[in-house]
Amino acid sequence: MIRLAILASGSGTNAQAIIEYFDGHASIEISGVYTNNPEAGVIKKCQQLNMDCFVFSNADLKNDTLLKLLISSHVEGIILAGFLRKITPNILETYSNKIMNIHPSLLPKYGGKGMYGAHVHHSVLANKEKETGITIHLVNENYDEGDYLFQRRVKLGKDESIESIIKKISSLEHTYYPQVIERFFLIK
């Protein structure tokens, strides 16, 4: 069984989609969700899904506390699902090419520090883009610069709003992120 951990900081909709997708999976299991935000909605979602959830401090991310917890839990890969902190060198080294993230745009457009969630969608609208989408990528030492694993586009109409874009992007994320995770970790 391949054990994966989810790191999340927010509402947990992607984490929920991933947990539900791998519930009862023959080869992959989600060992737990780890959050640096004690107020994150993902905590309640984990309670509802009977999934272990661990709250850690930003200091735990920088020192080896989180890394030791992941290793002691026999985690083989890490999935970022709305996790807003930069992954530290100690974790990057231990889980080299085994940390995956999803970004709500067609990278390299609208990526980098501070570009997440509604910030991305606002920029897409402000620039009158005709399409947007998702990018699933490996994580390296720079925000949103790891190797791309998957992109999916969605057309935008003239009357789009941030809310309508969020709905389109969320649908893509919940559909494709679990599938890409599965393919990537079963092939490795």
N, C-alpha and C. Protein backbone atom coordinates (compact mmCIF):
# COMPACT_ATOMS: atom_id res chain seq x y z
N MET A 1 0.85 -1.18 0.00
CA MET A 1 0.00 0.00 0.00
C MET A 1 0.89 1.24 0.00
N ILE A 2 0.63 2.16 -0.92
CA ILE A 2 1.36 3.43 -0.98
C ILE A 2 0.65 4.41 -0.08
N ARG A 3 1.39 4.95 0.90
CA ARG A 3 0.80 5.88 1.87
C ARG A 3 1.13 7.32 1.49
N LEU A 4 0.08 8.13 1.32
CA LEU A 4 0.22 9.53 0.96
C LEU A 4 -0.34 10.41 2.07
N ALA A 5 0.29 11.57 2.25
CA ALA A 5 -0.20 12.57 3.20
C ALA A 5 -0.69 13.77 2.40
N ILE A 6 -1.72 14.42 2.92
CA ILE A 6 -2.24 15.65 2.33
C ILE A 6 -1.87 16.80 3.25
N LEU A 7 -1.30 17.87 2.69
CA LEU A 7 -1.06 19.11 3.42
C LEU A 7 -2.06 20.14 2.91
N ALA A 8 -2.81 20.74 3.82
CA ALA A 8 -3.86 21.69 3.44
C ALA A 8 -3.89 22.84 4.45
N SER A 9 -4.32 24.01 3.98
CA SER A 9 -4.43 25.18 4.85
C SER A 9 -5.83 25.78 4.87
N GLY A 10 -6.72 25.32 4.00
CA GLY A 10 -8.00 26.02 3.83
C GLY A 10 -9.22 25.17 4.05
N SER A 11 -10.19 25.35 3.15
CA SER A 11 -11.52 24.75 3.33
C SER A 11 -11.52 23.24 3.19
N GLY A 12 -10.61 22.70 2.40
CA GLY A 12 -10.49 21.25 2.31
C GLY A 12 -11.31 20.58 1.23
N THR A 13 -11.80 21.33 0.24
CA THR A 13 -12.61 20.67 -0.79
C THR A 13 -11.78 19.72 -1.65
N ASN A 14 -10.55 20.12 -1.99
CA ASN A 14 -9.70 19.21 -2.75
C ASN A 14 -9.28 18.01 -1.89
N ALA A 15 -8.96 18.27 -0.63
CA ALA A 15 -8.60 17.17 0.27
C ALA A 15 -9.75 16.17 0.35
N GLN A 16 -10.98 16.66 0.48
CA GLN A 16 -12.14 15.78 0.56
C GLN A 16 -12.28 14.94 -0.71
N ALA A 17 -12.12 15.57 -1.87
CA ALA A 17 -12.24 14.83 -3.14
C ALA A 17 -11.18 13.73 -3.22
N ILE A 18 -9.98 14.03 -2.76
CA ILE A 18 -8.88 13.04 -2.79
C ILE A 18 -9.15 11.90 -1.80
N ILE A 19 -9.55 12.25 -0.59
CA ILE A 19 -9.84 11.24 0.43
C ILE A 19 -10.95 10.30 -0.05
N GLU A 20 -12.01 10.87 -0.59
CA GLU A 20 -13.13 10.05 -1.06
C GLU A 20 -12.71 9.17 -2.25
N TYR A 21 -11.89 9.70 -3.14
CA TYR A 21 -11.44 8.93 -4.30
C TYR A 21 -10.64 7.70 -3.87
N PHE A 22 -9.78 7.86 -2.86
CA PHE A 22 -8.90 6.77 -2.46
C PHE A 22 -9.46 5.91 -1.32
N ASP A 23 -10.66 6.19 -0.86
CA ASP A 23 -11.29 5.38 0.17
C ASP A 23 -11.51 3.97 -0.37
N GLY A 24 -10.87 2.98 0.23
CA GLY A 24 -11.00 1.60 -0.21
C GLY A 24 -10.16 1.24 -1.42
N HIS A 25 -9.26 2.12 -1.85
CA HIS A 25 -8.40 1.87 -3.01
C HIS A 25 -7.49 0.67 -2.73
N ALA A 26 -7.23 -0.12 -3.75
CA ALA A 26 -6.43 -1.34 -3.59
C ALA A 26 -4.95 -1.06 -3.35
N SER A 27 -4.43 0.07 -3.82
CA SER A 27 -2.99 0.29 -3.78
C SER A 27 -2.53 1.57 -3.10
N ILE A 28 -3.42 2.54 -2.92
CA ILE A 28 -3.05 3.85 -2.35
C ILE A 28 -3.98 4.17 -1.20
N GLU A 29 -3.38 4.68 -0.12
CA GLU A 29 -4.20 5.15 1.00
C GLU A 29 -3.72 6.52 1.45
N ILE A 30 -4.66 7.32 1.91
CA ILE A 30 -4.33 8.61 2.50
C ILE A 30 -4.13 8.35 3.99
N SER A 31 -2.90 8.59 4.45
CA SER A 31 -2.57 8.27 5.85
C SER A 31 -3.05 9.34 6.81
N GLY A 32 -3.24 10.56 6.32
CA GLY A 32 -3.69 11.65 7.17
C GLY A 32 -3.59 12.97 6.47
N VAL A 33 -4.22 13.96 7.09
CA VAL A 33 -4.18 15.34 6.60
C VAL A 33 -3.43 16.15 7.64
N TYR A 34 -2.57 17.04 7.16
CA TYR A 34 -1.72 17.87 8.02
C TYR A 34 -1.99 19.32 7.66
N THR A 35 -2.31 20.13 8.68
CA THR A 35 -2.61 21.53 8.43
C THR A 35 -1.84 22.43 9.38
N ASN A 36 -1.44 23.57 8.87
CA ASN A 36 -0.77 24.58 9.69
C ASN A 36 -1.76 25.65 10.15
N ASN A 37 -3.02 25.45 9.88
CA ASN A 37 -4.05 26.44 10.22
C ASN A 37 -5.07 25.81 11.17
N PRO A 38 -5.00 26.15 12.46
CA PRO A 38 -5.94 25.54 13.42
C PRO A 38 -7.40 25.92 13.19
N GLU A 39 -7.66 26.89 12.31
CA GLU A 39 -9.03 27.31 11.99
C GLU A 39 -9.48 26.78 10.62
N ALA A 40 -8.67 25.97 9.97
CA ALA A 40 -8.96 25.51 8.60
C ALA A 40 -10.21 24.65 8.55
N GLY A 41 -10.99 24.87 7.51
CA GLY A 41 -12.19 24.07 7.28
C GLY A 41 -11.89 22.60 7.03
N VAL A 42 -10.67 22.32 6.57
CA VAL A 42 -10.28 20.93 6.31
C VAL A 42 -10.36 20.08 7.58
N ILE A 43 -10.20 20.68 8.74
CA ILE A 43 -10.26 19.93 10.01
C ILE A 43 -11.65 19.32 10.18
N LYS A 44 -12.67 20.13 9.95
CA LYS A 44 -14.05 19.64 10.08
C LYS A 44 -14.35 18.57 9.02
N LYS A 45 -13.86 18.78 7.81
CA LYS A 45 -14.07 17.78 6.76
C LYS A 45 -13.42 16.45 7.15
N CYS A 46 -12.24 16.51 7.75
CA CYS A 46 -11.57 15.28 8.19
C CYS A 46 -12.40 14.57 9.26
N GLN A 47 -12.96 15.33 10.19
CA GLN A 47 -13.81 14.73 11.23
C GLN A 47 -15.00 14.02 10.58
N GLN A 48 -15.62 14.67 9.60
CA GLN A 48 -16.78 14.09 8.92
C GLN A 48 -16.41 12.84 8.14
N LEU A 49 -15.18 12.80 7.63
CA LEU A 49 -14.72 11.67 6.81
C LEU A 49 -13.97 10.62 7.62
N ASN A 50 -13.88 10.82 8.94
CA ASN A 50 -13.16 9.91 9.82
C ASN A 50 -11.69 9.75 9.38
N MET A 51 -11.07 10.88 9.03
CA MET A 51 -9.69 10.91 8.58
C MET A 51 -8.84 11.59 9.65
N ASP A 52 -7.70 11.00 9.95
CA ASP A 52 -6.78 11.63 10.91
C ASP A 52 -6.33 12.99 10.39
N CYS A 53 -6.32 13.97 11.29
CA CYS A 53 -5.89 15.32 10.93
C CYS A 53 -4.96 15.83 12.02
N PHE A 54 -3.83 16.34 11.59
CA PHE A 54 -2.81 16.82 12.52
C PHE A 54 -2.57 18.30 12.27
N VAL A 55 -2.61 19.08 13.34
CA VAL A 55 -2.33 20.51 13.25
C VAL A 55 -0.88 20.71 13.68
N PHE A 56 -0.13 21.44 12.87
CA PHE A 56 1.26 21.72 13.20
C PHE A 56 1.51 23.21 13.06
N SER A 57 2.58 23.67 13.69
CA SER A 57 2.92 25.09 13.61
C SER A 57 3.85 25.33 12.43
N ASN A 58 3.97 26.58 12.05
CA ASN A 58 4.91 26.92 10.99
C ASN A 58 6.34 26.61 11.41
N ALA A 59 6.63 26.69 12.70
CA ALA A 59 7.96 26.29 13.20
C ALA A 59 8.18 24.80 12.98
N ASP A 60 7.12 23.99 13.15
CA ASP A 60 7.22 22.54 12.92
C ASP A 60 7.56 22.23 11.47
N LEU A 61 7.13 23.11 10.56
CA LEU A 61 7.46 22.94 9.15
C LEU A 61 8.94 23.21 8.91
N LYS A 62 9.47 24.21 9.60
CA LYS A 62 10.87 24.62 9.38
C LYS A 62 11.87 23.70 10.05
N ASN A 63 11.55 23.27 11.27
CA ASN A 63 12.45 22.31 11.92
C ASN A 63 12.04 20.91 11.46
N ASP A 64 12.52 19.90 12.05
CA ASP A 64 12.23 18.54 11.55
C ASP A 64 10.99 17.89 12.16
N THR A 65 10.19 18.62 12.91
CA THR A 65 9.04 18.03 13.60
C THR A 65 8.03 17.43 12.62
N LEU A 66 7.61 18.20 11.62
CA LEU A 66 6.66 17.68 10.64
C LEU A 66 7.29 16.55 9.84
N LEU A 67 8.52 16.73 9.42
CA LEU A 67 9.21 15.68 8.65
C LEU A 67 9.27 14.38 9.43
N LYS A 68 9.62 14.45 10.71
CA LYS A 68 9.69 13.23 11.54
C LYS A 68 8.32 12.57 11.66
N LEU A 69 7.27 13.39 11.76
CA LEU A 69 5.91 12.84 11.85
C LEU A 69 5.54 12.12 10.55
N LEU A 70 5.89 12.71 9.41
CA LEU A 70 5.60 12.08 8.12
C LEU A 70 6.36 10.76 7.98
N ILE A 71 7.63 10.78 8.35
CA ILE A 71 8.45 9.57 8.25
C ILE A 71 7.93 8.48 9.19
N SER A 72 7.59 8.86 10.42
CA SER A 72 7.10 7.86 11.38
C SER A 72 5.75 7.29 10.96
N SER A 73 5.02 8.01 10.13
CA SER A 73 3.73 7.53 9.60
C SER A 73 3.90 6.76 8.30
N HIS A 74 5.16 6.53 7.90
CA HIS A 74 5.49 5.77 6.68
C HIS A 74 4.91 6.39 5.42
N VAL A 75 4.88 7.74 5.40
CA VAL A 75 4.37 8.47 4.23
C VAL A 75 5.41 8.38 3.11
N GLU A 76 4.92 8.03 1.92
CA GLU A 76 5.80 7.88 0.75
C GLU A 76 5.68 9.04 -0.23
N GLY A 77 4.62 9.82 -0.13
CA GLY A 77 4.43 10.97 -1.01
C GLY A 77 3.52 11.98 -0.34
N ILE A 78 3.63 13.23 -0.80
CA ILE A 78 2.88 14.33 -0.20
C ILE A 78 2.05 15.02 -1.28
N ILE A 79 0.80 15.28 -0.96
CA ILE A 79 -0.12 15.97 -1.85
C ILE A 79 -0.48 17.30 -1.21
N LEU A 80 -0.22 18.39 -1.92
CA LEU A 80 -0.63 19.71 -1.44
C LEU A 80 -2.02 20.01 -1.98
N ALA A 81 -2.90 20.41 -1.08
CA ALA A 81 -4.28 20.71 -1.46
C ALA A 81 -4.68 22.02 -0.78
N GLY A 82 -4.29 23.12 -1.40
CA GLY A 82 -4.56 24.42 -0.80
C GLY A 82 -3.63 24.71 0.36
N PHE A 83 -2.41 24.20 0.29
CA PHE A 83 -1.42 24.46 1.32
C PHE A 83 -0.63 25.69 0.89
N LEU A 84 -0.60 26.72 1.75
CA LEU A 84 -0.10 28.02 1.33
C LEU A 84 1.32 28.35 1.76
N ARG A 85 2.00 27.43 2.41
CA ARG A 85 3.37 27.68 2.83
C ARG A 85 4.35 27.04 1.85
N LYS A 86 5.53 27.61 1.78
CA LYS A 86 6.58 27.03 0.94
C LYS A 86 7.12 25.78 1.62
N ILE A 87 7.32 24.72 0.85
CA ILE A 87 7.86 23.48 1.39
C ILE A 87 9.36 23.68 1.66
N THR A 88 9.79 23.26 2.81
CA THR A 88 11.15 23.52 3.27
C THR A 88 12.15 22.52 2.66
N PRO A 89 13.42 22.92 2.60
CA PRO A 89 14.45 22.06 1.98
C PRO A 89 14.53 20.65 2.59
N ASN A 90 14.34 20.52 3.91
CA ASN A 90 14.44 19.20 4.53
C ASN A 90 13.36 18.25 4.00
N ILE A 91 12.17 18.75 3.79
CA ILE A 91 11.08 17.93 3.27
C ILE A 91 11.27 17.70 1.77
N LEU A 92 11.67 18.74 1.04
CA LEU A 92 11.93 18.60 -0.40
C LEU A 92 12.98 17.53 -0.68
N GLU A 93 14.02 17.50 0.15
CA GLU A 93 15.09 16.53 -0.06
C GLU A 93 14.62 15.11 0.24
N THR A 94 13.91 14.94 1.34
CA THR A 94 13.43 13.62 1.74
C THR A 94 12.40 13.07 0.75
N TYR A 95 11.55 13.94 0.24
CA TYR A 95 10.48 13.52 -0.67
C TYR A 95 10.72 14.07 -2.08
N SER A 96 11.94 13.99 -2.54
CA SER A 96 12.32 14.50 -3.85
C SER A 96 11.46 13.86 -4.95
N ASN A 97 10.83 14.70 -5.76
CA ASN A 97 9.94 14.27 -6.85
C ASN A 97 8.77 13.41 -6.37
N LYS A 98 8.38 13.61 -5.12
CA LYS A 98 7.22 12.88 -4.57
C LYS A 98 6.26 13.83 -3.85
N ILE A 99 6.35 15.12 -4.21
CA ILE A 99 5.43 16.13 -3.67
C ILE A 99 4.71 16.77 -4.85
N MET A 100 3.39 16.75 -4.78
CA MET A 100 2.56 17.22 -5.89
C MET A 100 1.68 18.37 -5.42
N ASN A 101 1.44 19.31 -6.33
CA ASN A 101 0.57 20.45 -6.03
C ASN A 101 -0.37 20.68 -7.22
N ILE A 102 -1.46 21.37 -6.93
CA ILE A 102 -2.38 21.78 -7.99
C ILE A 102 -2.49 23.29 -7.93
N HIS A 103 -2.51 23.91 -9.10
CA HIS A 103 -2.59 25.37 -9.18
C HIS A 103 -3.78 25.74 -10.07
N PRO A 104 -4.57 26.77 -9.67
CA PRO A 104 -5.80 27.10 -10.40
C PRO A 104 -5.59 28.02 -11.60
N SER A 105 -4.54 27.76 -12.38
CA SER A 105 -4.34 28.48 -13.65
C SER A 105 -3.50 27.60 -14.55
N LEU A 106 -3.37 28.05 -15.78
CA LEU A 106 -2.51 27.37 -16.74
C LEU A 106 -1.10 27.95 -16.59
N LEU A 107 -0.34 27.35 -15.69
CA LEU A 107 1.02 27.82 -15.48
C LEU A 107 1.78 27.76 -16.81
N PRO A 108 2.71 28.67 -17.05
CA PRO A 108 3.31 29.59 -16.10
C PRO A 108 2.51 30.87 -15.84
N LYS A 109 1.37 31.05 -16.49
CA LYS A 109 0.55 32.24 -16.22
C LYS A 109 0.00 32.19 -14.80
N TYR A 110 0.04 33.33 -14.14
CA TYR A 110 -0.61 33.54 -12.84
C TYR A 110 -0.10 32.60 -11.75
N GLY A 111 1.19 32.35 -11.75
CA GLY A 111 1.81 31.54 -10.70
C GLY A 111 2.75 32.39 -9.86
N GLY A 112 3.30 31.79 -8.84
CA GLY A 112 4.28 32.45 -7.99
C GLY A 112 3.71 32.87 -6.65
N LYS A 113 4.56 33.49 -5.86
CA LYS A 113 4.20 33.90 -4.50
C LYS A 113 2.97 34.82 -4.52
N GLY A 114 2.01 34.52 -3.66
CA GLY A 114 0.81 35.33 -3.55
C GLY A 114 -0.27 35.02 -4.57
N MET A 115 0.02 34.14 -5.51
CA MET A 115 -0.97 33.80 -6.54
C MET A 115 -1.65 32.48 -6.17
N TYR A 116 -2.78 32.60 -5.51
CA TYR A 116 -3.57 31.43 -5.12
C TYR A 116 -5.03 31.84 -5.08
N GLY A 117 -5.89 30.87 -5.24
CA GLY A 117 -7.34 31.07 -5.10
C GLY A 117 -7.87 32.26 -5.88
N ALA A 118 -8.65 33.09 -5.20
CA ALA A 118 -9.32 34.21 -5.85
C ALA A 118 -8.33 35.22 -6.43
N HIS A 119 -7.11 35.30 -5.89
CA HIS A 119 -6.10 36.21 -6.46
C HIS A 119 -5.82 35.83 -7.92
N VAL A 120 -5.72 34.54 -8.17
CA VAL A 120 -5.48 34.06 -9.53
C VAL A 120 -6.67 34.41 -10.42
N HIS A 121 -7.86 34.10 -9.96
CA HIS A 121 -9.06 34.31 -10.77
C HIS A 121 -9.29 35.80 -11.05
N HIS A 122 -8.99 36.65 -10.08
CA HIS A 122 -9.10 38.10 -10.29
C HIS A 122 -8.17 38.54 -11.41
N SER A 123 -6.94 38.02 -11.42
CA SER A 123 -5.98 38.37 -12.48
C SER A 123 -6.45 37.86 -13.84
N VAL A 124 -7.01 36.67 -13.87
CA VAL A 124 -7.53 36.10 -15.11
C VAL A 124 -8.63 37.01 -15.67
N LEU A 125 -9.55 37.44 -14.80
CA LEU A 125 -10.63 38.33 -15.23
C LEU A 125 -10.08 39.69 -15.68
N ALA A 126 -9.17 40.25 -14.88
CA ALA A 126 -8.61 41.58 -15.19
C ALA A 126 -7.90 41.59 -16.54
N ASN A 127 -7.31 40.47 -16.91
CA ASN A 127 -6.59 40.38 -18.19
C ASN A 127 -7.46 39.86 -19.33
N LYS A 128 -8.77 39.72 -19.06
CA LYS A 128 -9.73 39.31 -20.08
C LYS A 128 -9.31 38.05 -20.83
N GLU A 129 -8.83 37.06 -20.06
CA GLU A 129 -8.41 35.79 -20.65
C GLU A 129 -9.62 35.08 -21.25
N LYS A 130 -9.39 34.39 -22.34
CA LYS A 130 -10.45 33.61 -23.02
C LYS A 130 -10.56 32.20 -22.46
N GLU A 131 -9.52 31.79 -21.72
CA GLU A 131 -9.53 30.46 -21.10
C GLU A 131 -8.67 30.51 -19.83
N THR A 132 -8.91 29.53 -18.99
CA THR A 132 -8.09 29.32 -17.81
C THR A 132 -8.05 27.81 -17.60
N GLY A 133 -7.63 27.38 -16.44
CA GLY A 133 -7.58 25.94 -16.21
C GLY A 133 -6.81 25.60 -14.96
N ILE A 134 -6.32 24.37 -14.93
CA ILE A 134 -5.56 23.88 -13.79
C ILE A 134 -4.22 23.33 -14.28
N THR A 135 -3.26 23.38 -13.39
CA THR A 135 -1.96 22.75 -13.63
C THR A 135 -1.63 21.91 -12.41
N ILE A 136 -1.31 20.66 -12.62
CA ILE A 136 -0.84 19.78 -11.56
C ILE A 136 0.65 19.61 -11.81
N HIS A 137 1.45 19.85 -10.78
CA HIS A 137 2.90 19.87 -10.96
C HIS A 137 3.63 19.32 -9.75
N LEU A 138 4.86 18.91 -9.96
CA LEU A 138 5.72 18.54 -8.85
C LEU A 138 6.19 19.80 -8.15
N VAL A 139 6.58 19.67 -6.91
CA VAL A 139 6.99 20.81 -6.10
C VAL A 139 8.51 20.84 -6.00
N ASN A 140 9.06 22.03 -6.21
CA ASN A 140 10.48 22.25 -5.97
C ASN A 140 10.65 23.45 -5.04
N GLU A 141 11.83 24.03 -5.00
CA GLU A 141 12.11 25.11 -4.04
C GLU A 141 11.45 26.43 -4.40
N ASN A 142 10.87 26.56 -5.59
CA ASN A 142 10.21 27.81 -6.00
C ASN A 142 8.71 27.58 -6.19
N TYR A 143 7.92 28.60 -5.83
CA TYR A 143 6.48 28.50 -6.02
C TYR A 143 6.12 28.22 -7.48
N ASP A 144 5.36 27.17 -7.70
CA ASP A 144 4.72 26.87 -8.99
C ASP A 144 5.70 26.68 -10.15
N GLU A 145 6.93 26.25 -9.87
CA GLU A 145 7.92 26.07 -10.92
C GLU A 145 8.34 24.63 -11.14
N GLY A 146 7.76 23.68 -10.39
CA GLY A 146 8.11 22.28 -10.58
C GLY A 146 7.59 21.74 -11.90
N ASP A 147 8.10 20.59 -12.30
CA ASP A 147 7.70 19.97 -13.57
C ASP A 147 6.19 19.77 -13.64
N TYR A 148 5.61 20.14 -14.78
CA TYR A 148 4.18 19.97 -14.99
C TYR A 148 3.88 18.52 -15.28
N LEU A 149 2.83 18.02 -14.63
CA LEU A 149 2.36 16.65 -14.87
C LEU A 149 1.09 16.63 -15.71
N PHE A 150 0.28 17.70 -15.61
CA PHE A 150 -1.04 17.68 -16.25
C PHE A 150 -1.58 19.11 -16.31
N GLN A 151 -2.22 19.44 -17.41
CA GLN A 151 -2.98 20.69 -17.52
C GLN A 151 -4.31 20.39 -18.18
N ARG A 152 -5.34 21.10 -17.75
CA ARG A 152 -6.66 21.00 -18.37
C ARG A 152 -7.21 22.42 -18.52
N ARG A 153 -7.69 22.72 -19.70
CA ARG A 153 -8.20 24.06 -20.02
C ARG A 153 -9.73 24.10 -19.90
N VAL A 154 -10.22 25.30 -19.65
CA VAL A 154 -11.66 25.55 -19.68
C VAL A 154 -11.87 26.93 -20.32
N LYS A 155 -12.84 27.00 -21.22
CA LYS A 155 -13.16 28.26 -21.89
C LYS A 155 -13.88 29.20 -20.93
N LEU A 156 -13.66 30.48 -21.14
CA LEU A 156 -14.35 31.50 -20.35
C LEU A 156 -15.25 32.32 -21.27
N GLY A 157 -16.45 32.61 -20.78
CA GLY A 157 -17.38 33.44 -21.53
C GLY A 157 -17.21 34.91 -21.20
N LYS A 158 -18.00 35.75 -21.86
CA LYS A 158 -17.92 37.20 -21.66
C LYS A 158 -18.41 37.64 -20.29
N ASP A 159 -19.31 36.89 -19.71
CA ASP A 159 -19.95 37.32 -18.46
C ASP A 159 -19.44 36.57 -17.23
N GLU A 160 -18.19 36.13 -17.27
CA GLU A 160 -17.64 35.38 -16.14
C GLU A 160 -17.46 36.28 -14.92
N SER A 161 -17.54 35.66 -13.75
CA SER A 161 -17.25 36.32 -12.47
C SER A 161 -16.25 35.45 -11.73
N ILE A 162 -15.72 35.98 -10.67
CA ILE A 162 -14.81 35.15 -9.86
C ILE A 162 -15.53 33.89 -9.40
N GLU A 163 -16.80 34.03 -9.01
CA GLU A 163 -17.57 32.89 -8.53
C GLU A 163 -17.75 31.84 -9.62
N SER A 164 -18.05 32.28 -10.85
CA SER A 164 -18.25 31.31 -11.93
C SER A 164 -16.94 30.62 -12.30
N ILE A 165 -15.83 31.35 -12.22
CA ILE A 165 -14.53 30.74 -12.50
C ILE A 165 -14.18 29.73 -11.41
N ILE A 166 -14.42 30.10 -10.15
CA ILE A 166 -14.16 29.17 -9.04
C ILE A 166 -14.92 27.87 -9.26
N LYS A 167 -16.17 27.98 -9.67
CA LYS A 167 -16.99 26.78 -9.89
C LYS A 167 -16.39 25.89 -10.98
N LYS A 168 -15.96 26.51 -12.10
CA LYS A 168 -15.36 25.75 -13.20
C LYS A 168 -14.05 25.10 -12.77
N ILE A 169 -13.21 25.87 -12.08
CA ILE A 169 -11.90 25.36 -11.66
C ILE A 169 -12.06 24.26 -10.63
N SER A 170 -12.95 24.44 -9.67
CA SER A 170 -13.18 23.41 -8.64
C SER A 170 -13.62 22.10 -9.27
N SER A 171 -14.48 22.18 -10.26
CA SER A 171 -14.94 20.97 -10.95
C SER A 171 -13.76 20.24 -11.61
N LEU A 172 -12.88 21.00 -12.27
CA LEU A 172 -11.69 20.39 -12.88
C LEU A 172 -10.79 19.77 -11.82
N GLU A 173 -10.55 20.52 -10.74
CA GLU A 173 -9.65 20.03 -9.68
C GLU A 173 -10.16 18.73 -9.08
N HIS A 174 -11.43 18.70 -8.71
CA HIS A 174 -11.99 17.53 -8.04
C HIS A 174 -12.05 16.32 -8.96
N THR A 175 -12.19 16.55 -10.25
CA THR A 175 -12.21 15.45 -11.22
C THR A 175 -10.81 14.91 -11.50
N TYR A 176 -9.87 15.81 -11.79
CA TYR A 176 -8.58 15.36 -12.33
C TYR A 176 -7.48 15.17 -11.30
N TYR A 177 -7.48 15.91 -10.21
CA TYR A 177 -6.37 15.79 -9.25
C TYR A 177 -6.23 14.37 -8.71
N PRO A 178 -7.31 13.74 -8.22
CA PRO A 178 -7.16 12.36 -7.74
C PRO A 178 -6.67 11.39 -8.82
N GLN A 179 -7.14 11.57 -10.05
CA GLN A 179 -6.72 10.68 -11.14
C GLN A 179 -5.23 10.82 -11.45
N VAL A 180 -4.74 12.06 -11.46
CA VAL A 180 -3.32 12.29 -11.74
C VAL A 180 -2.46 11.75 -10.59
N ILE A 181 -2.91 11.94 -9.36
CA ILE A 181 -2.20 11.37 -8.20
C ILE A 181 -2.08 9.86 -8.36
N GLU A 182 -3.20 9.24 -8.68
CA GLU A 182 -3.22 7.77 -8.82
C GLU A 182 -2.24 7.31 -9.90
N ARG A 183 -2.32 7.89 -11.07
CA ARG A 183 -1.42 7.50 -12.17
C ARG A 183 0.04 7.72 -11.79
N PHE A 184 0.34 8.86 -11.21
CA PHE A 184 1.72 9.20 -10.89
C PHE A 184 2.33 8.23 -9.88
N PHE A 185 1.61 7.95 -8.81
CA PHE A 185 2.18 7.12 -7.75
C PHE A 185 2.12 5.63 -8.08
N LEU A 186 1.23 5.22 -8.94
CA LEU A 186 1.22 3.80 -9.33
C LEU A 186 2.28 3.50 -10.38
N ILE A 187 2.66 4.48 -11.17
CA ILE A 187 3.70 4.29 -12.19
C ILE A 187 5.09 4.38 -11.58
N LYS A 188 5.28 5.20 -10.57
CA LYS A 188 6.61 5.43 -9.97
C LYS A 188 7.25 4.16 -9.48
